[in-house]
Amino acid sequence: MPKAVRYDGFGGIDVLRVDEVERPVPGDGQVLVRVKAAGINPSEAAIRTGAVAHIFPSTFPSGQGSDLAGIIEEVGAGVDAYSPGEEVIGFSNKRASQAELVLVEAGDLTRKPENVSWEVAGSLYVVGVTAWGAVHSVEPKEGETVVVSGAAGGVGSLAVQLARRTGATVIGLASESNHEWLSSHSVIPVAYGDGVADRIRAAAPGGVDAFIDTHGNGYVDLALALGVANERIDTIADFAAAAKHGVKTDGGAEAGPGAQILAELAELIADGRIEVPIAGVYPLTQVREAYTELERRHTHGKIVLRP
């Protein structure tokens, strides 16, 4: 029987387990994917604890995860675009991707380019669509300056690269251990912490035009203090500050059709124009260890499960 991550109630990492489950059967318009890699994300940890139950209600036992990449095992009725054996990237809206076999709507898939690794492909959806949406929401232009907080994290590391592709100057806030990576991607690294506003002003003497906050904890207030207009600030982490100040919270579903954006990002990765850093890879059975690393919030790039 195939294995899948499950939990029976809200709680910490210790509620997670790996169960044997019934083999899924694809229905109309569905595809059964044998998962080769599934990324993990902070949003999943928040859902598991119940902190966002008012937004994402759960039924138990619950599965977990959205990101996935794998090989098509079987197709359901009405699916003409895909065949068994094809390699695909996709996502599940049913909290089910952290498993050996996953049912996916055919419209939520795109083909995986041959030279994109399983680890990268399987961790692309949530961070990719979120970064794409956040960058497009603040509309950076050539000659402007954009600041990205959490610039070495899963979303941030993609956001800085996508923002650079617009021709804008990008300042990335990150710990010093990640400054070399940022510099190698033509991003100006700035350490976070006390005095960060002065360090940003020194790095951007002409001022800051836009701000993308992927971390929370006061960065919306910092952006406003730097003189950034409300409509050029986007946060994916501090919704209370967004409501208070009227700044944007674009990313995720607001970005547009997920499979279409996945296809665009996969081609950029395949051509070497952007990269997805991989911080760690764990077998499915070590899902607790993977989330322990994730929830330290100091990883550079993505953490991936390999069923």
C-alpha atoms as a PDB file:
ATOM      1  CA  MET A   1       0.000   0.000   0.000  1.00  0.00           C
ATOM      2  CA  PRO A   2       1.272   3.532  -0.732  1.00  0.00           C
ATOM      3  CA  LYS A   3       2.399   5.785   2.107  1.00  0.00           C
ATOM      4  CA  ALA A   4       1.252   9.339   2.909  1.00  0.00           C
ATOM      5  CA  VAL A   5       1.778  11.948   5.612  1.00  0.00           C
ATOM      6  CA  ARG A   6      -1.201  12.211   7.960  1.00  0.00           C
ATOM      7  CA  TYR A   7      -2.223  13.869  11.230  1.00  0.00           C
ATOM      8  CA  ASP A   8      -5.367  13.523  13.355  1.00  0.00           C
ATOM      9  CA  GLY A   9      -5.601  16.944  14.965  1.00  0.00           C
ATOM     10  CA  PHE A  10      -3.980  20.352  15.226  1.00  0.00           C
ATOM     11  CA  GLY A  11      -0.648  20.434  16.977  1.00  0.00           C
ATOM     12  CA  GLY A  12       3.116  20.550  16.762  1.00  0.00           C
ATOM     13  CA  ILE A  13       5.500  18.541  14.649  1.00  0.00           C
ATOM     14  CA  ASP A  14       4.903  15.483  16.810  1.00  0.00           C
ATOM     15  CA  VAL A  15       1.370  15.002  15.404  1.00  0.00           C
ATOM     16  CA  LEU A  16       2.805  14.108  11.991  1.00  0.00           C
ATOM     17  CA  ARG A  17       3.075  10.472  10.968  1.00  0.00           C
ATOM     18  CA  VAL A  18       3.408   8.399   7.787  1.00  0.00           C
ATOM     19  CA  ASP A  19       0.555   5.940   7.177  1.00  0.00           C
ATOM     20  CA  GLU A  20      -0.218   3.282   4.625  1.00  0.00           C
ATOM     21  CA  VAL A  21      -3.305   4.369   2.671  1.00  0.00           C
ATOM     22  CA  GLU A  22      -5.558   3.003  -0.042  1.00  0.00           C
ATOM     23  CA  ARG A  23      -4.256   3.424  -3.576  1.00  0.00           C
ATOM     24  CA  PRO A  24      -5.987   6.500  -5.057  1.00  0.00           C
ATOM     25  CA  VAL A  25      -8.092   6.009  -8.195  1.00  0.00           C
ATOM     26  CA  PRO A  26      -8.258   8.900 -10.700  1.00  0.00           C
ATOM     27  CA  GLY A  27     -11.703  10.240 -11.495  1.00  0.00           C
ATOM     28  CA  ASP A  28     -12.823  12.358 -14.439  1.00  0.00           C
ATOM     29  CA  GLY A  29     -10.164  14.900 -15.348  1.00  0.00           C
ATOM     30  CA  GLN A  30      -7.714  13.568 -12.788  1.00  0.00           C
ATOM     31  CA  VAL A  31      -4.208  12.140 -13.034  1.00  0.00           C
ATOM     32  CA  LEU A  32      -2.504   9.791 -10.581  1.00  0.00           C
ATOM     33  CA  VAL A  33       1.100  10.883 -10.035  1.00  0.00           C
ATOM     34  CA  ARG A  34       3.858   8.822  -8.427  1.00  0.00           C
ATOM     35  CA  VAL A  35       5.615  11.551  -6.461  1.00  0.00           C
ATOM     36  CA  LYS A  36       9.378  11.891  -6.858  1.00  0.00           C
ATOM     37  CA  ALA A  37       9.693  15.065  -4.759  1.00  0.00           C
ATOM     38  CA  ALA A  38       7.418  17.266  -2.648  1.00  0.00           C
ATOM     39  CA  GLY A  39       8.500  20.596  -1.181  1.00  0.00           C
ATOM     40  CA  ILE A  40       7.457  21.748   2.277  1.00  0.00           C
ATOM     41  CA  ASN A  41       6.376  25.271   3.236  1.00  0.00           C
ATOM     42  CA  PRO A  42       5.783  27.431   6.332  1.00  0.00           C
ATOM     43  CA  SER A  43       2.106  27.771   5.392  1.00  0.00           C
ATOM     44  CA  GLU A  44       1.669  24.023   5.922  1.00  0.00           C
ATOM     45  CA  ALA A  45       3.110  24.298   9.416  1.00  0.00           C
ATOM     46  CA  ALA A  46       0.671  27.123  10.176  1.00  0.00           C
ATOM     47  CA  ILE A  47      -2.270  25.047   8.907  1.00  0.00           C
ATOM     48  CA  ARG A  48      -1.152  22.053  10.993  1.00  0.00           C
ATOM     49  CA  THR A  49      -1.032  24.061  14.230  1.00  0.00           C
ATOM     50  CA  GLY A  50      -4.550  25.429  13.675  1.00  0.00           C
ATOM     51  CA  ALA A  51      -3.287  29.024  13.664  1.00  0.00           C
ATOM     52  CA  VAL A  52      -5.116  29.750  10.397  1.00  0.00           C
ATOM     53  CA  ALA A  53      -8.092  27.419  10.874  1.00  0.00           C
ATOM     54  CA  HIS A  54     -10.442  30.355  10.264  1.00  0.00           C
ATOM     55  CA  ILE A  55      -8.988  30.623   6.752  1.00  0.00           C
ATOM     56  CA  PHE A  56      -8.055  26.983   6.097  1.00  0.00           C
ATOM     57  CA  PRO A  57     -10.457  24.731   8.031  1.00  0.00           C
ATOM     58  CA  SER A  58      -9.361  21.111   8.334  1.00  0.00           C
ATOM     59  CA  THR A  59     -11.024  17.726   8.440  1.00  0.00           C
ATOM     60  CA  PHE A  60      -9.212  14.793  10.031  1.00  0.00           C
ATOM     61  CA  PRO A  61      -7.300  12.708   9.365  1.00  0.00           C
ATOM     62  CA  SER A  62      -5.624  15.349   7.220  1.00  0.00           C
ATOM     63  CA  GLY A  63      -2.927  15.023   4.603  1.00  0.00           C
ATOM     64  CA  GLN A  64      -0.375  17.724   3.978  1.00  0.00           C
ATOM     65  CA  GLY A  65       1.334  19.603   1.174  1.00  0.00           C
ATOM     66  CA  SER A  66       0.768  21.294  -2.189  1.00  0.00           C
ATOM     67  CA  ASP A  67       4.055  21.078  -4.137  1.00  0.00           C
ATOM     68  CA  LEU A  68       4.877  17.973  -6.158  1.00  0.00           C
ATOM     69  CA  ALA A  69       6.712  16.562  -9.131  1.00  0.00           C
ATOM     70  CA  GLY A  70       6.594  13.014 -10.373  1.00  0.00           C
ATOM     71  CA  ILE A  71       5.732  10.497 -13.039  1.00  0.00           C
ATOM     72  CA  ILE A  72       2.199   9.913 -14.280  1.00  0.00           C
ATOM     73  CA  GLU A  73       1.000   6.506 -13.166  1.00  0.00           C
ATOM     74  CA  GLU A  74      -2.563   6.539 -14.487  1.00  0.00           C
ATOM     75  CA  VAL A  75      -5.019   8.967 -16.088  1.00  0.00           C
ATOM     76  CA  GLY A  76      -8.742   9.274 -15.528  1.00  0.00           C
ATOM     77  CA  ALA A  77     -11.551   9.643 -18.026  1.00  0.00           C
ATOM     78  CA  GLY A  78     -11.432  12.760 -20.167  1.00  0.00           C
ATOM     79  CA  VAL A  79      -7.683  13.322 -19.768  1.00  0.00           C
ATOM     80  CA  ASP A  80      -6.129  13.620 -23.219  1.00  0.00           C
ATOM     81  CA  ALA A  81      -3.200  15.951 -22.519  1.00  0.00           C
ATOM     82  CA  TYR A  82      -1.132  13.459 -20.494  1.00  0.00           C
ATOM     83  CA  SER A  83      -0.160   9.803 -20.639  1.00  0.00           C
ATOM     84  CA  PRO A  84       1.351   7.332 -18.164  1.00  0.00           C
ATOM     85  CA  GLY A  85       5.120   7.647 -17.924  1.00  0.00           C
ATOM     86  CA  GLU A  86       5.309  11.423 -18.506  1.00  0.00           C
ATOM     87  CA  GLU A  87       7.273  13.560 -16.046  1.00  0.00           C
ATOM     88  CA  VAL A  88       5.264  16.450 -14.605  1.00  0.00           C
ATOM     89  CA  ILE A  89       5.330  19.343 -12.143  1.00  0.00           C
ATOM     90  CA  GLY A  90       2.146  20.301 -10.349  1.00  0.00           C
ATOM     91  CA  PHE A  91       0.251  21.004  -7.195  1.00  0.00           C
ATOM     92  CA  SER A  92      -2.568  19.657  -5.081  1.00  0.00           C
ATOM     93  CA  ASN A  93      -5.274  21.805  -3.525  1.00  0.00           C
ATOM     94  CA  LYS A  94      -6.327  18.863  -1.320  1.00  0.00           C
ATOM     95  CA  ARG A  95      -3.359  18.907   1.123  1.00  0.00           C
ATOM     96  CA  ALA A  96      -2.129  15.643  -0.297  1.00  0.00           C
ATOM     97  CA  SER A  97       1.225  16.048  -2.035  1.00  0.00           C
ATOM     98  CA  GLN A  98       3.408  14.612   0.739  1.00  0.00           C
ATOM     99  CA  ALA A  99       2.741  11.041  -0.303  1.00  0.00           C
ATOM    100  CA  GLU A 100       3.911   8.338  -2.676  1.00  0.00           C
ATOM    101  CA  LEU A 101       0.829   8.558  -4.914  1.00  0.00           C
ATOM    102  CA  VAL A 102      -1.280  11.702  -5.355  1.00  0.00           C
ATOM    103  CA  LEU A 103      -4.410  12.525  -7.357  1.00  0.00           C
ATOM    104  CA  VAL A 104      -3.992  15.791  -9.259  1.00  0.00           C
ATOM    105  CA  GLU A 105      -6.382  17.681 -11.510  1.00  0.00           C
ATOM    106  CA  ALA A 106      -4.969  17.546 -15.041  1.00  0.00           C
ATOM    107  CA  GLY A 107      -5.213  21.344 -15.290  1.00  0.00           C
ATOM    108  CA  ASP A 108      -2.880  21.682 -12.295  1.00  0.00           C
ATOM    109  CA  LEU A 109       0.054  20.042 -14.082  1.00  0.00           C
ATOM    110  CA  THR A 110       2.741  21.056 -16.539  1.00  0.00           C
ATOM    111  CA  ARG A 111       5.498  18.973 -18.103  1.00  0.00           C
ATOM    112  CA  LYS A 112       8.864  18.882 -16.362  1.00  0.00           C
ATOM    113  CA  PRO A 113      11.809  19.950 -18.510  1.00  0.00           C
ATOM    114  CA  GLU A 114      14.417  17.200 -18.666  1.00  0.00           C
ATOM    115  CA  ASN A 115      17.207  19.266 -17.110  1.00  0.00           C
ATOM    116  CA  VAL A 116      15.205  20.455 -14.082  1.00  0.00           C
ATOM    117  CA  SER A 117      15.964  18.211 -11.089  1.00  0.00           C
ATOM    118  CA  TRP A 118      13.232  16.409  -9.202  1.00  0.00           C
ATOM    119  CA  GLU A 119      14.093  18.317  -6.021  1.00  0.00           C
ATOM    120  CA  VAL A 120      13.713  21.695  -7.732  1.00  0.00           C
ATOM    121  CA  ALA A 121      10.603  20.703  -9.687  1.00  0.00           C
ATOM    122  CA  GLY A 122       8.911  19.246  -6.625  1.00  0.00           C
ATOM    123  CA  SER A 123       9.436  22.380  -4.544  1.00  0.00           C
ATOM    124  CA  LEU A 124       8.505  25.000  -7.118  1.00  0.00           C
ATOM    125  CA  TYR A 125       4.775  25.646  -6.881  1.00  0.00           C
ATOM    126  CA  VAL A 126       4.165  27.499  -3.608  1.00  0.00           C
ATOM    127  CA  VAL A 127       7.350  29.581  -3.563  1.00  0.00           C
ATOM    128  CA  GLY A 128       7.351  30.109  -7.315  1.00  0.00           C
ATOM    129  CA  VAL A 129       3.790  31.331  -7.671  1.00  0.00           C
ATOM    130  CA  THR A 130       4.091  33.415  -4.490  1.00  0.00           C
ATOM    131  CA  ALA A 131       7.331  35.079  -5.595  1.00  0.00           C
ATOM    132  CA  TRP A 132       5.936  35.664  -9.092  1.00  0.00           C
ATOM    133  CA  GLY A 133       2.805  37.275  -7.664  1.00  0.00           C
ATOM    134  CA  ALA A 134       4.681  39.436  -5.157  1.00  0.00           C
ATOM    135  CA  VAL A 135       7.127  40.786  -7.744  1.00  0.00           C
ATOM    136  CA  HIS A 136       4.397  41.535 -10.269  1.00  0.00           C
ATOM    137  CA  SER A 137       2.302  43.275  -7.596  1.00  0.00           C
ATOM    138  CA  VAL A 138       4.942  45.934  -6.889  1.00  0.00           C
ATOM    139  CA  GLU A 139       5.775  46.378 -10.607  1.00  0.00           C
ATOM    140  CA  PRO A 140       9.527  46.990 -10.431  1.00  0.00           C
ATOM    141  CA  LYS A 141      11.025  48.794 -13.402  1.00  0.00           C
ATOM    142  CA  GLU A 142      14.483  49.272 -14.834  1.00  0.00           C
ATOM    143  CA  GLY A 143      16.337  51.905 -12.860  1.00  0.00           C
ATOM    144  CA  GLU A 144      14.219  51.480  -9.709  1.00  0.00           C
ATOM    145  CA  THR A 145      15.326  49.970  -6.393  1.00  0.00           C
ATOM    146  CA  VAL A 146      13.473  47.107  -4.711  1.00  0.00           C
ATOM    147  CA  VAL A 147      14.111  45.693  -1.233  1.00  0.00           C
ATOM    148  CA  VAL A 148      13.254  42.057  -0.414  1.00  0.00           C
ATOM    149  CA  SER A 149      13.186  40.841   3.197  1.00  0.00           C
ATOM    150  CA  GLY A 150      13.944  37.184   3.876  1.00  0.00           C
ATOM    151  CA  ALA A 151      15.912  37.284   0.629  1.00  0.00           C
ATOM    152  CA  ALA A 152      17.575  33.890   1.071  1.00  0.00           C
ATOM    153  CA  GLY A 153      14.436  31.953   2.010  1.00  0.00           C
ATOM    154  CA  GLY A 154      12.244  29.863  -0.252  1.00  0.00           C
ATOM    155  CA  VAL A 155      10.126  32.730  -1.608  1.00  0.00           C
ATOM    156  CA  GLY A 156      12.746  35.436  -1.157  1.00  0.00           C
ATOM    157  CA  SER A 157      15.469  33.671  -3.128  1.00  0.00           C
ATOM    158  CA  LEU A 158      13.156  33.481  -6.137  1.00  0.00           C
ATOM    159  CA  ALA A 159      11.714  36.979  -5.639  1.00  0.00           C
ATOM    160  CA  VAL A 160      15.147  38.625  -5.797  1.00  0.00           C
ATOM    161  CA  GLN A 161      15.958  36.815  -9.041  1.00  0.00           C
ATOM    162  CA  LEU A 162      12.619  37.644 -10.665  1.00  0.00           C
ATOM    163  CA  ALA A 163      12.903  41.274  -9.573  1.00  0.00           C
ATOM    164  CA  ARG A 164      16.425  41.486 -11.053  1.00  0.00           C
ATOM    165  CA  ARG A 165      15.054  40.269 -14.388  1.00  0.00           C
ATOM    166  CA  THR A 166      13.011  43.485 -14.624  1.00  0.00           C
ATOM    167  CA  GLY A 167      16.208  45.546 -14.651  1.00  0.00           C
ATOM    168  CA  ALA A 168      15.637  46.933 -11.166  1.00  0.00           C
ATOM    169  CA  THR A 169      18.365  47.206  -8.544  1.00  0.00           C
ATOM    170  CA  VAL A 170      17.552  44.681  -5.808  1.00  0.00           C
ATOM    171  CA  ILE A 171      18.605  44.839  -2.167  1.00  0.00           C
ATOM    172  CA  GLY A 172      18.270  41.558  -0.292  1.00  0.00           C
ATOM    173  CA  LEU A 173      17.948  41.436   3.501  1.00  0.00           C
ATOM    174  CA  ALA A 174      19.540  38.255   4.836  1.00  0.00           C
ATOM    175  CA  SER A 175      22.050  36.910   7.329  1.00  0.00           C
ATOM    176  CA  GLU A 176      25.685  37.382   6.406  1.00  0.00           C
ATOM    177  CA  SER A 177      26.089  33.668   5.663  1.00  0.00           C
ATOM    178  CA  ASN A 178      23.859  34.199   2.610  1.00  0.00           C
ATOM    179  CA  HIS A 179      25.463  37.394   1.320  1.00  0.00           C
ATOM    180  CA  GLU A 180      27.821  35.619  -1.068  1.00  0.00           C
ATOM    181  CA  TRP A 181      24.905  33.844  -2.781  1.00  0.00           C
ATOM    182  CA  LEU A 182      22.997  37.120  -3.113  1.00  0.00           C
ATOM    183  CA  SER A 183      26.004  38.925  -4.555  1.00  0.00           C
ATOM    184  CA  SER A 184      26.553  36.110  -7.065  1.00  0.00           C
ATOM    185  CA  HIS A 185      23.015  36.780  -8.328  1.00  0.00           C
ATOM    186  CA  SER A 186      23.601  40.538  -8.716  1.00  0.00           C
ATOM    187  CA  VAL A 187      21.645  41.349  -5.553  1.00  0.00           C
ATOM    188  CA  ILE A 188      23.027  43.863  -3.040  1.00  0.00           C
ATOM    189  CA  PRO A 189      23.171  42.045   0.316  1.00  0.00           C
ATOM    190  CA  VAL A 190      22.255  43.885   3.506  1.00  0.00           C
ATOM    191  CA  ALA A 191      22.238  42.333   6.978  1.00  0.00           C
ATOM    192  CA  TYR A 192      18.959  42.464   8.865  1.00  0.00           C
ATOM    193  CA  GLY A 193      18.674  43.505  12.517  1.00  0.00           C
ATOM    194  CA  ASP A 194      19.377  46.705  14.421  1.00  0.00           C
ATOM    195  CA  GLY A 195      20.326  49.563  12.128  1.00  0.00           C
ATOM    196  CA  VAL A 196      18.910  47.925   9.004  1.00  0.00           C
ATOM    197  CA  ALA A 197      17.160  51.136   7.879  1.00  0.00           C
ATOM    198  CA  ASP A 198      20.462  53.028   7.850  1.00  0.00           C
ATOM    199  CA  ARG A 199      22.161  50.183   5.971  1.00  0.00           C
ATOM    200  CA  ILE A 200      19.416  50.207   3.329  1.00  0.00           C
ATOM    201  CA  ARG A 201      19.680  53.992   2.914  1.00  0.00           C
ATOM    202  CA  ALA A 202      23.437  53.642   2.463  1.00  0.00           C
ATOM    203  CA  ALA A 203      22.931  50.934  -0.168  1.00  0.00           C
ATOM    204  CA  ALA A 204      20.193  52.949  -1.937  1.00  0.00           C
ATOM    205  CA  PRO A 205      21.175  56.629  -1.779  1.00  0.00           C
ATOM    206  CA  GLY A 206      18.527  57.437  -4.377  1.00  0.00           C
ATOM    207  CA  GLY A 207      15.774  55.934  -2.224  1.00  0.00           C
ATOM    208  CA  VAL A 208      13.678  52.764  -2.340  1.00  0.00           C
ATOM    209  CA  ASP A 209      10.831  52.451  -4.841  1.00  0.00           C
ATOM    210  CA  ALA A 210       9.283  49.106  -3.838  1.00  0.00           C
ATOM    211  CA  PHE A 211       9.431  46.599  -0.973  1.00  0.00           C
ATOM    212  CA  ILE A 212       8.596  42.882  -0.866  1.00  0.00           C
ATOM    213  CA  ASP A 213       8.268  41.427   2.633  1.00  0.00           C
ATOM    214  CA  THR A 214       8.531  37.642   2.849  1.00  0.00           C
ATOM    215  CA  HIS A 215       9.314  37.512   6.582  1.00  0.00           C
ATOM    216  CA  GLY A 216       7.012  39.768   8.631  1.00  0.00           C
ATOM    217  CA  ASN A 217       7.953  41.203  12.034  1.00  0.00           C
ATOM    218  CA  GLY A 218       7.957  44.907  11.270  1.00  0.00           C
ATOM    219  CA  TYR A 219       9.123  45.089   7.663  1.00  0.00           C
ATOM    220  CA  VAL A 220       5.952  46.828   6.461  1.00  0.00           C
ATOM    221  CA  ASP A 221       6.622  49.625   8.970  1.00  0.00           C
ATOM    222  CA  LEU A 222      10.239  49.720   7.790  1.00  0.00           C
ATOM    223  CA  ALA A 223       9.155  50.073   4.174  1.00  0.00           C
ATOM    224  CA  LEU A 224       6.880  52.980   5.046  1.00  0.00           C
ATOM    225  CA  ALA A 225       9.655  54.611   7.079  1.00  0.00           C
ATOM    226  CA  LEU A 226      11.876  54.363   3.992  1.00  0.00           C
ATOM    227  CA  GLY A 227       9.293  56.374   2.058  1.00  0.00           C
ATOM    228  CA  VAL A 228       7.901  53.549  -0.080  1.00  0.00           C
ATOM    229  CA  ALA A 229       4.346  54.210  -1.291  1.00  0.00           C
ATOM    230  CA  ASN A 230       1.695  51.886   0.148  1.00  0.00           C
ATOM    231  CA  GLU A 231       0.771  50.530  -3.273  1.00  0.00           C
ATOM    232  CA  ARG A 232       4.412  49.518  -3.914  1.00  0.00           C
ATOM    233  CA  ILE A 233       4.656  47.395  -0.737  1.00  0.00           C
ATOM    234  CA  ASP A 234       3.674  43.724  -0.751  1.00  0.00           C
ATOM    235  CA  THR A 235       3.818  41.398   2.259  1.00  0.00           C
ATOM    236  CA  ILE A 236       3.136  37.671   2.252  1.00  0.00           C
ATOM    237  CA  ALA A 237       3.770  37.378   5.993  1.00  0.00           C
ATOM    238  CA  ASP A 238       2.273  40.282   7.970  1.00  0.00           C
ATOM    239  CA  PHE A 239      -1.441  40.505   7.228  1.00  0.00           C
ATOM    240  CA  ALA A 240      -2.191  42.609  10.319  1.00  0.00           C
ATOM    241  CA  ALA A 241       0.211  45.302   9.124  1.00  0.00           C
ATOM    242  CA  ALA A 242      -1.222  45.040   5.610  1.00  0.00           C
ATOM    243  CA  ALA A 243      -4.737  45.647   6.937  1.00  0.00           C
ATOM    244  CA  LYS A 244      -3.555  48.532   9.109  1.00  0.00           C
ATOM    245  CA  HIS A 245      -1.636  50.349   6.376  1.00  0.00           C
ATOM    246  CA  GLY A 246      -3.475  49.259   3.228  1.00  0.00           C
ATOM    247  CA  VAL A 247      -0.496  47.592   1.572  1.00  0.00           C
ATOM    248  CA  LYS A 248      -0.719  44.630  -0.781  1.00  0.00           C
ATOM    249  CA  THR A 249      -0.743  40.931   0.128  1.00  0.00           C
ATOM    250  CA  ASP A 250      -0.477  39.519  -3.388  1.00  0.00           C
ATOM    251  CA  GLY A 251       1.068  36.114  -4.012  1.00  0.00           C
ATOM    252  CA  GLY A 252      -0.221  32.576  -4.269  1.00  0.00           C
ATOM    253  CA  ALA A 253      -3.639  32.248  -5.877  1.00  0.00           C
ATOM    254  CA  GLU A 254      -3.796  35.977  -6.659  1.00  0.00           C
ATOM    255  CA  ALA A 255      -0.865  35.567  -9.054  1.00  0.00           C
ATOM    256  CA  GLY A 256      -2.890  33.799 -11.727  1.00  0.00           C
ATOM    257  CA  PRO A 257      -3.207  30.282 -13.165  1.00  0.00           C
ATOM    258  CA  GLY A 258      -0.742  28.159 -11.195  1.00  0.00           C
ATOM    259  CA  ALA A 259       0.132  25.662 -13.938  1.00  0.00           C
ATOM    260  CA  GLN A 260       0.825  28.457 -16.411  1.00  0.00           C
ATOM    261  CA  ILE A 261       3.204  30.200 -14.003  1.00  0.00           C
ATOM    262  CA  LEU A 262       4.836  26.848 -13.168  1.00  0.00           C
ATOM    263  CA  ALA A 263       5.533  26.270 -16.855  1.00  0.00           C
ATOM    264  CA  GLU A 264       7.075  29.749 -17.218  1.00  0.00           C
ATOM    265  CA  LEU A 265       9.278  29.311 -14.134  1.00  0.00           C
ATOM    266  CA  ALA A 266      10.336  25.800 -15.144  1.00  0.00           C
ATOM    267  CA  GLU A 267      11.572  27.116 -18.491  1.00  0.00           C
ATOM    268  CA  LEU A 268      13.544  29.896 -16.785  1.00  0.00           C
ATOM    269  CA  ILE A 269      15.163  27.285 -14.540  1.00  0.00           C
ATOM    270  CA  ALA A 270      15.816  24.908 -17.441  1.00  0.00           C
ATOM    271  CA  ASP A 271      17.574  27.715 -19.342  1.00  0.00           C
ATOM    272  CA  GLY A 272      19.693  28.659 -16.331  1.00  0.00           C
ATOM    273  CA  ARG A 273      18.137  32.107 -15.984  1.00  0.00           C
ATOM    274  CA  ILE A 274      16.965  31.532 -12.387  1.00  0.00           C
ATOM    275  CA  GLU A 275      17.715  28.860  -9.795  1.00  0.00           C
ATOM    276  CA  VAL A 276      15.954  27.335  -6.804  1.00  0.00           C
ATOM    277  CA  PRO A 277      18.410  26.716  -3.947  1.00  0.00           C
ATOM    278  CA  ILE A 278      17.814  23.417  -2.143  1.00  0.00           C
ATOM    279  CA  ALA A 279      18.525  23.587   1.589  1.00  0.00           C
ATOM    280  CA  GLY A 280      17.866  19.958   2.455  1.00  0.00           C
ATOM    281  CA  VAL A 281      16.359  16.692   1.205  1.00  0.00           C
ATOM    282  CA  TYR A 282      14.648  14.167   3.489  1.00  0.00           C
ATOM    283  CA  PRO A 283      12.927  10.838   2.900  1.00  0.00           C
ATOM    284  CA  LEU A 284       9.163  10.930   3.435  1.00  0.00           C
ATOM    285  CA  THR A 285       9.565   8.945   6.664  1.00  0.00           C
ATOM    286  CA  GLN A 286      11.597  11.841   8.137  1.00  0.00           C
ATOM    287  CA  VAL A 287       8.839  14.413   7.669  1.00  0.00           C
ATOM    288  CA  ARG A 288       9.155  15.505  11.308  1.00  0.00           C
ATOM    289  CA  GLU A 289      12.869  16.194  10.918  1.00  0.00           C
ATOM    290  CA  ALA A 290      12.191  18.156   7.719  1.00  0.00           C
ATOM    291  CA  TYR A 291       9.666  20.430   9.435  1.00  0.00           C
ATOM    292  CA  THR A 292      11.962  20.864  12.433  1.00  0.00           C
ATOM    293  CA  GLU A 293      14.573  22.320  10.079  1.00  0.00           C
ATOM    294  CA  LEU A 294      11.971  24.417   8.243  1.00  0.00           C
ATOM    295  CA  GLU A 295      10.538  25.952  11.402  1.00  0.00           C
ATOM    296  CA  ARG A 296      13.937  27.270  12.497  1.00  0.00           C
ATOM    297  CA  ARG A 297      13.401  29.806   9.669  1.00  0.00           C
ATOM    298  CA  HIS A 298      17.082  30.077   8.810  1.00  0.00           C
ATOM    299  CA  THR A 299      17.343  27.833   5.754  1.00  0.00           C
ATOM    300  CA  HIS A 300      18.682  29.043   2.428  1.00  0.00           C
ATOM    301  CA  GLY A 301      16.160  27.877  -0.157  1.00  0.00           C
ATOM    302  CA  LYS A 302      13.818  24.919  -0.124  1.00  0.00           C
ATOM    303  CA  ILE A 303      13.480  21.766   1.979  1.00  0.00           C
ATOM    304  CA  VAL A 304      12.205  18.761   0.016  1.00  0.00           C
ATOM    305  CA  LEU A 305      10.717  15.359   0.804  1.00  0.00           C
ATOM    306  CA  ARG A 306      11.626  12.423  -1.452  1.00  0.00           C
ATOM    307  CA  PRO A 307       9.077   9.585  -1.193  1.00  0.00           C
END
